[in-house]
Protein backbone atom coordinates (compact mmCIF):
# COMPACT_ATOMS: atom_id res chain seq x y z
CA MET A 1 128.06 140.04 129.52
CA PHE A 2 128.32 141.99 126.00
CA PHE A 3 130.92 143.43 124.50
CA HIS A 4 132.06 145.01 120.92
CA ILE A 5 134.83 144.10 119.01
CA SER A 6 136.39 147.39 119.18
CA ALA A 7 136.12 146.74 123.01
CA PHE A 8 138.74 143.71 122.46
CA HIS A 9 142.07 145.57 123.89
CA TYR A 10 144.25 144.06 121.05
CA THR A 11 145.30 144.72 117.95
CA SER A 12 146.80 141.66 116.53
CA GLN A 13 144.39 138.66 117.32
CA ARG A 14 140.09 138.36 117.61
CA PRO A 15 138.39 137.21 121.28
CA GLN A 16 137.92 133.72 120.22
CA ALA A 17 134.86 131.07 121.62
CA GLY A 18 136.34 129.53 125.37
CA GLN A 19 138.95 131.97 126.25
CA GLN A 20 138.84 133.65 129.35
CA VAL A 21 139.00 137.41 129.52
CA SER A 22 138.74 140.18 131.99
CA PHE A 23 137.50 143.51 131.74
CA TYR A 24 135.17 146.90 133.12
CA CYS A 25 131.80 148.20 132.15
CA ASN A 26 130.07 151.22 131.63
CA ARG A 27 127.77 152.67 134.17
CA PRO A 28 124.73 152.25 132.44
CA VAL A 29 122.46 155.60 131.78
CA GLY A 30 118.92 155.23 131.90
CA SER A 31 117.57 152.15 130.21
CA GLU A 32 121.02 151.61 128.47
CA PRO A 33 121.91 148.27 128.92
CA GLN A 34 125.36 147.53 130.72
CA LYS A 35 128.17 146.73 128.29
CA ALA A 36 131.67 145.77 128.77
CA LEU A 37 134.03 149.23 127.66
CA LYS A 38 137.60 147.15 127.45
CA VAL A 39 138.12 143.36 127.51
CA VAL A 40 141.37 141.60 128.00
CA LEU A 41 142.44 138.34 128.31
CA SER A 42 142.78 136.70 131.25
CA GLY A 43 146.49 137.39 133.12
CA HIS A 44 146.75 140.77 130.89
CA GLU A 45 144.41 142.87 133.54
CA ALA A 46 147.22 145.31 133.77
CA SER A 47 146.69 146.73 129.85
CA LEU A 48 142.69 147.12 131.08
CA PHE A 49 144.02 151.05 132.10
CA SER A 50 145.85 151.82 129.43
CA ASP A 51 145.01 153.61 126.46
CA ARG A 52 147.58 151.63 124.45
CA PRO A 53 146.50 147.71 123.21
CA TYR A 54 148.39 145.06 125.12
CA ASP A 55 149.93 143.97 121.70
CA TYR A 56 151.18 148.02 120.41
CA HIS A 57 154.64 146.84 120.17
CA GLU A 58 153.89 143.62 118.10
CA LEU A 59 154.29 143.58 114.80
CA ASN A 60 151.00 142.58 113.20
CA LEU A 61 153.40 140.43 110.52
CA ASN A 62 151.48 138.70 107.24
CA MET A 63 154.49 137.03 106.49
CA ARG A 64 153.30 135.93 102.87
CA LYS A 65 152.65 139.85 101.96
CA PHE A 66 155.70 141.17 103.42
CA LEU A 67 158.36 138.88 101.60
CA CYS A 68 156.33 139.86 98.53
CA TYR A 69 156.27 143.05 99.28
CA GLY A 70 159.84 143.35 100.84
CA LEU A 71 161.22 141.29 97.63
CA SER A 72 159.76 144.08 95.52
CA GLY A 73 161.21 146.50 96.65
CA THR A 74 164.63 144.88 96.69
CA VAL A 75 164.37 144.01 93.23
CA TYR A 76 163.74 147.75 92.50
CA LEU A 77 166.48 149.05 94.26
CA LEU A 78 168.76 146.91 93.04
CA ALA A 79 167.86 147.63 89.14
CA VAL A 80 168.19 151.60 90.30
CA ASN A 81 171.89 150.21 92.25
CA HIS A 82 172.92 148.90 88.66
CA TYR A 83 172.71 152.67 86.89
CA SER A 84 172.94 154.88 89.82
CA THR A 85 174.33 153.75 93.57
CA LYS A 86 173.90 157.53 94.77
CA LEU A 87 169.92 157.63 93.19
CA ALA A 88 169.81 153.86 94.98
CA VAL A 89 171.15 154.81 98.18
CA PHE A 90 168.42 158.10 98.17
CA TYR A 91 166.00 155.60 97.40
CA LEU A 92 167.13 153.45 100.28
CA LEU A 93 166.75 156.60 102.70
CA ALA A 94 163.86 157.55 101.49
CA SER A 95 162.15 154.23 101.90
CA ALA A 96 163.89 154.31 105.62
CA ALA A 97 161.79 157.71 106.25
CA ALA A 98 158.77 156.07 104.50
CA PHE A 99 158.96 152.99 106.96
CA TRP A 100 158.89 155.18 109.92
CA LEU A 101 156.34 157.47 108.57
CA TYR A 102 153.91 154.52 108.53
CA ARG A 103 154.89 152.70 111.95
CA SER A 104 154.36 156.02 113.65
CA ASP A 105 150.89 156.00 111.62
CA LYS A 106 150.01 152.70 112.71
CA GLN A 107 150.59 153.40 116.09
CA THR A 108 148.86 156.67 116.57
CA ALA A 109 145.74 155.13 114.72
CA VAL A 110 146.07 152.30 116.96
CA THR A 111 146.05 154.39 120.55
CA GLN A 112 143.59 156.56 119.15
CA ALA A 113 141.18 153.13 117.80
CA GLY A 114 137.17 154.46 118.88
CA LYS A 115 137.88 157.82 119.51
CA THR A 116 137.26 161.17 116.84
CA GLY A 117 139.45 163.11 115.35
CA TYR A 118 143.28 162.50 113.53
CA LEU A 119 145.38 164.47 116.40
CA GLY A 120 148.82 163.14 115.52
CA ARG A 121 148.42 161.24 112.57
CA VAL A 122 150.49 161.51 109.53
CA PRO A 123 148.04 162.58 106.70
CA GLU A 124 148.23 160.56 103.38
CA LYS A 125 149.29 163.43 101.82
CA LYS A 126 152.33 163.09 103.43
CA LEU A 127 152.71 159.36 103.10
CA HIS A 128 152.58 159.86 98.84
CA GLN A 129 154.68 162.00 98.84
CA ILE A 130 157.19 160.58 100.55
CA GLY A 131 156.65 157.46 98.50
CA LEU A 132 156.38 160.00 95.03
CA ILE A 133 160.14 161.22 95.75
CA GLY A 134 161.35 157.28 96.02
CA GLY A 135 160.28 156.00 99.32
CA TRP A 136 157.56 153.61 98.10
CA PRO A 137 159.52 150.56 98.22
CA GLY A 138 159.64 151.50 102.19
CA ALA A 139 156.31 152.13 102.43
CA LEU A 140 155.36 149.05 100.90
CA LEU A 141 156.98 147.16 103.38
CA ALA A 142 155.80 148.65 106.35
CA ARG A 143 152.20 148.31 104.86
CA GLY A 144 152.97 144.40 104.91
CA ALA A 145 154.93 144.70 108.29
CA PHE A 146 152.00 146.51 110.16
CA ASN A 147 148.80 145.83 108.03
CA HIS A 148 148.59 149.88 107.16
CA LYS A 149 146.48 151.24 104.56
CA THR A 150 145.88 147.65 103.02
CA GLY A 151 142.11 148.29 103.11
CA LYS A 152 141.31 151.65 101.48
CA ALA A 153 140.89 151.52 97.73
CA SER A 154 141.40 155.06 97.27
CA PHE A 155 144.69 155.38 99.17
CA ILE A 156 145.71 151.91 98.04
CA ARG A 157 144.78 153.59 94.44
CA VAL A 158 146.90 156.73 94.91
CA PHE A 159 149.44 154.35 95.52
CA TRP A 160 150.60 152.65 92.69
CA LEU A 161 149.85 155.71 91.37
CA VAL A 162 152.40 157.21 93.12
CA ALA A 163 154.95 154.33 93.08
CA ALA A 164 154.08 154.22 88.73
CA ILE A 165 154.99 157.79 88.62
CA ASN A 166 158.65 157.41 90.45
CA ILE A 167 159.12 154.34 88.39
CA ALA A 168 158.60 156.61 85.18
CA ILE A 169 160.27 159.03 86.59
CA THR A 170 163.23 157.02 87.09
CA TYR A 171 162.92 155.33 83.81
CA ALA A 172 163.36 158.62 82.03
CA LEU A 173 166.11 160.32 83.82
CA LEU A 174 168.91 156.80 84.21
CA ILE A 175 167.56 155.06 80.22
CA HIS A 176 165.52 157.63 78.61
CA TYR A 177 167.56 160.55 79.06
CA ALA A 178 171.04 159.31 80.28
CA ASP A 179 172.98 161.99 77.90
CA ASN A 180 171.31 164.31 80.39
CA PRO A 181 173.75 166.51 82.56
CA LEU A 182 171.83 165.96 85.63
CA ALA A 183 171.70 162.13 84.74
CA LEU A 184 175.10 161.59 83.85
CA LEU A 185 176.13 162.86 87.45
CA LEU A 186 173.50 160.05 88.54
CA LYS A 187 174.93 157.59 86.56
CA ASN A 188 177.84 154.75 87.96
């Protein structure tokens, strides 16, 4: 029985030769060949009739990427904390919100795989806005944790541009214009 990779009902694994699977098929119309619409590994048949993939709640964790991204964000937050604890706390909260938004968007994307439209998805503009106000370290961590928004070149370019703009604003506020009254309120 033929099935397309998109019919394999998992987010973090691919089918391997020799694995036993269960599936259900379409009813062919006319001369259209019959094919499997949803395929799961033997023993996971209960998820055949669910819209969510079998491994929906698992992290698709690339440990090297996760640690590298997490370390980069942590170093940045520690550097900001050295100059302004108030701003570091704000960035930590914005990072937590960004992490949650990316997680939510990834879950929605997985459940809507193969469907048309973006109903329920978090707009890319909103993801970039949360990064601009200081949430990019959390967004970076979420990209590594959920393997989300890691292949779309246009998104990645804007993501790093937003991170660079945020770093430049933080630098200007805390170091270059350190004698500014607003900067003095933020300083430790």
